[in-house]
Amino acid sequence: MKTPFVPLNESEQAVFTAFYQEYAPKLWGLIVEANLPVKKAEAILINTLVKAWPLLDGEPSPLARLLGLAYQQGLPIDGLRAHALTPHFLDPPQGDVE
């Protein structure tokens, strides 16, 4: 995933890039579970991260805050709840585990 352009100075851009690389994949995984059209899913991801950026300094649970903002951006909560309650969601990973 490419970091979206956010108009910041060079040092702020580096910090935003690190923030994006840390949280975008995690948030994207949750957004994908909602089975939204790709354009809408991408818009939710980008808008959420850009909106969250000034709010998360010192936040004890950034992913929870990001998820709340994603809901405000149009992520449907019902689909994620239904998915989280299915038995396979809690199953351990399959394959070679050493």
C-alpha atoms as a PDB file:
ATOM      1  CA  MET A   1       0.000   0.000   0.000  1.00  0.00           C
ATOM      2  CA  LYS A   2       1.305   3.386  -0.937  1.00  0.00           C
ATOM      3  CA  THR A   3       1.242   6.098   1.717  1.00  0.00           C
ATOM      4  CA  PRO A   4      -1.300   8.789   0.781  1.00  0.00           C
ATOM      5  CA  PHE A   5      -0.062  12.332   0.305  1.00  0.00           C
ATOM      6  CA  VAL A   6      -0.611  14.434   3.391  1.00  0.00           C
ATOM      7  CA  PRO A   7       0.780  17.985   3.236  1.00  0.00           C
ATOM      8  CA  LEU A   8       3.365  17.896   6.032  1.00  0.00           C
ATOM      9  CA  ASN A   9       6.940  18.986   6.436  1.00  0.00           C
ATOM     10  CA  GLU A  10       9.634  16.378   5.862  1.00  0.00           C
ATOM     11  CA  SER A  11       9.967  15.157   9.463  1.00  0.00           C
ATOM     12  CA  GLU A  12       6.181  15.007   9.956  1.00  0.00           C
ATOM     13  CA  GLN A  13       5.854  13.081   6.684  1.00  0.00           C
ATOM     14  CA  ALA A  14       8.337  10.494   7.963  1.00  0.00           C
ATOM     15  CA  VAL A  15       6.329  10.061  11.172  1.00  0.00           C
ATOM     16  CA  PHE A  16       3.058   9.828   9.210  1.00  0.00           C
ATOM     17  CA  THR A  17       4.619   7.223   6.907  1.00  0.00           C
ATOM     18  CA  ALA A  18       5.615   5.118   9.926  1.00  0.00           C
ATOM     19  CA  PHE A  19       2.093   5.521  11.366  1.00  0.00           C
ATOM     20  CA  TYR A  20       0.597   4.502   8.016  1.00  0.00           C
ATOM     21  CA  GLN A  21       2.855   1.470   7.673  1.00  0.00           C
ATOM     22  CA  GLU A  22       1.957   0.350  11.196  1.00  0.00           C
ATOM     23  CA  TYR A  23      -1.806   0.743  11.060  1.00  0.00           C
ATOM     24  CA  ALA A  24      -2.931   0.698   7.417  1.00  0.00           C
ATOM     25  CA  PRO A  25      -2.491  -3.078   6.957  1.00  0.00           C
ATOM     26  CA  LYS A  26      -4.360  -3.834  10.190  1.00  0.00           C
ATOM     27  CA  LEU A  27      -7.207  -1.473   9.378  1.00  0.00           C
ATOM     28  CA  TRP A  28      -7.307  -2.646   5.757  1.00  0.00           C
ATOM     29  CA  GLY A  29      -7.740  -6.240   6.933  1.00  0.00           C
ATOM     30  CA  LEU A  30     -10.824  -5.224   8.899  1.00  0.00           C
ATOM     31  CA  ILE A  31     -12.206  -3.115   6.056  1.00  0.00           C
ATOM     32  CA  VAL A  32     -11.788  -5.956   3.569  1.00  0.00           C
ATOM     33  CA  GLU A  33     -13.938  -8.181   5.796  1.00  0.00           C
ATOM     34  CA  ALA A  34     -16.884  -5.861   5.108  1.00  0.00           C
ATOM     35  CA  ASN A  35     -16.876  -6.875   1.400  1.00  0.00           C
ATOM     36  CA  LEU A  36     -17.232  -3.299   0.162  1.00  0.00           C
ATOM     37  CA  PRO A  37     -16.424  -2.156  -3.363  1.00  0.00           C
ATOM     38  CA  VAL A  38     -12.674  -1.523  -3.612  1.00  0.00           C
ATOM     39  CA  LYS A  39     -13.001   2.231  -4.252  1.00  0.00           C
ATOM     40  CA  LYS A  40     -15.208   2.672  -1.184  1.00  0.00           C
ATOM     41  CA  ALA A  41     -12.918   0.507   0.960  1.00  0.00           C
ATOM     42  CA  GLU A  42      -9.865   2.517  -0.142  1.00  0.00           C
ATOM     43  CA  ALA A  43     -11.659   5.798   0.579  1.00  0.00           C
ATOM     44  CA  ILE A  44     -12.582   4.601   4.077  1.00  0.00           C
ATOM     45  CA  LEU A  45      -8.979   3.594   4.749  1.00  0.00           C
ATOM     46  CA  ILE A  46      -7.404   6.821   3.510  1.00  0.00           C
ATOM     47  CA  ASN A  47      -9.989   9.149   5.044  1.00  0.00           C
ATOM     48  CA  THR A  48      -9.772   7.339   8.375  1.00  0.00           C
ATOM     49  CA  LEU A  49      -5.975   7.506   8.556  1.00  0.00           C
ATOM     50  CA  VAL A  50      -5.799  11.149   7.505  1.00  0.00           C
ATOM     51  CA  LYS A  51      -8.506  12.092  10.020  1.00  0.00           C
ATOM     52  CA  ALA A  52      -6.903  10.026  12.782  1.00  0.00           C
ATOM     53  CA  TRP A  53      -3.415  11.398  12.284  1.00  0.00           C
ATOM     54  CA  PRO A  54      -3.815  14.570  14.392  1.00  0.00           C
ATOM     55  CA  LEU A  55      -5.923  12.771  17.031  1.00  0.00           C
ATOM     56  CA  LEU A  56      -3.801   9.763  17.971  1.00  0.00           C
ATOM     57  CA  ASP A  57      -0.802  11.306  19.712  1.00  0.00           C
ATOM     58  CA  GLY A  58      -0.474   9.346  22.949  1.00  0.00           C
ATOM     59  CA  GLU A  59      -3.653   7.334  22.288  1.00  0.00           C
ATOM     60  CA  PRO A  60      -3.507   4.142  24.421  1.00  0.00           C
ATOM     61  CA  SER A  61      -5.508   2.082  21.906  1.00  0.00           C
ATOM     62  CA  PRO A  62      -4.970   3.537  18.419  1.00  0.00           C
ATOM     63  CA  LEU A  63      -6.562   0.639  16.544  1.00  0.00           C
ATOM     64  CA  ALA A  64      -9.817   0.970  18.495  1.00  0.00           C
ATOM     65  CA  ARG A  65      -9.877   4.697  17.753  1.00  0.00           C
ATOM     66  CA  LEU A  66      -9.126   4.016  14.073  1.00  0.00           C
ATOM     67  CA  LEU A  67     -11.955   1.515  13.886  1.00  0.00           C
ATOM     68  CA  GLY A  68     -14.370   4.032  15.425  1.00  0.00           C
ATOM     69  CA  LEU A  69     -13.311   6.620  12.846  1.00  0.00           C
ATOM     70  CA  ALA A  70     -13.668   4.033  10.071  1.00  0.00           C
ATOM     71  CA  TYR A  71     -17.278   3.472  11.131  1.00  0.00           C
ATOM     72  CA  GLN A  72     -17.831   7.221  10.857  1.00  0.00           C
ATOM     73  CA  GLN A  73     -16.382   7.071   7.334  1.00  0.00           C
ATOM     74  CA  GLY A  74     -18.885   4.414   6.248  1.00  0.00           C
ATOM     75  CA  LEU A  75     -17.522   1.066   7.405  1.00  0.00           C
ATOM     76  CA  PRO A  76     -20.593  -1.080   8.198  1.00  0.00           C
ATOM     77  CA  ILE A  77     -20.357  -2.466  11.715  1.00  0.00           C
ATOM     78  CA  ASP A  78     -22.936  -5.230  11.230  1.00  0.00           C
ATOM     79  CA  GLY A  79     -20.869  -7.116   8.672  1.00  0.00           C
ATOM     80  CA  LEU A  80     -17.839  -7.148  10.928  1.00  0.00           C
ATOM     81  CA  ARG A  81     -19.879  -8.267  13.924  1.00  0.00           C
ATOM     82  CA  ALA A  82     -21.385 -11.150  11.948  1.00  0.00           C
ATOM     83  CA  HIS A  83     -17.945 -12.171  10.684  1.00  0.00           C
ATOM     84  CA  ALA A  84     -16.414 -12.000  14.158  1.00  0.00           C
ATOM     85  CA  LEU A  85     -19.111 -14.307  15.504  1.00  0.00           C
ATOM     86  CA  THR A  86     -18.589 -17.057  12.925  1.00  0.00           C
ATOM     87  CA  PRO A  87     -16.732 -20.127  14.239  1.00  0.00           C
ATOM     88  CA  HIS A  88     -13.892 -19.950  11.678  1.00  0.00           C
ATOM     89  CA  PHE A  89     -12.947 -16.449  12.862  1.00  0.00           C
ATOM     90  CA  LEU A  90     -11.642 -17.905  16.125  1.00  0.00           C
ATOM     91  CA  ASP A  91     -10.027 -21.037  14.675  1.00  0.00           C
ATOM     92  CA  PRO A  92      -6.251 -21.299  14.925  1.00  0.00           C
ATOM     93  CA  PRO A  93      -4.358 -20.953  11.627  1.00  0.00           C
ATOM     94  CA  GLN A  94      -4.092 -24.097   9.556  1.00  0.00           C
ATOM     95  CA  GLY A  95      -0.856 -25.425   8.099  1.00  0.00           C
ATOM     96  CA  ASP A  96       2.627 -26.061   9.382  1.00  0.00           C
ATOM     97  CA  VAL A  97       2.918 -24.492  12.805  1.00  0.00           C
ATOM     98  CA  GLU A  98       6.122 -25.262  14.660  1.00  0.00           C
END
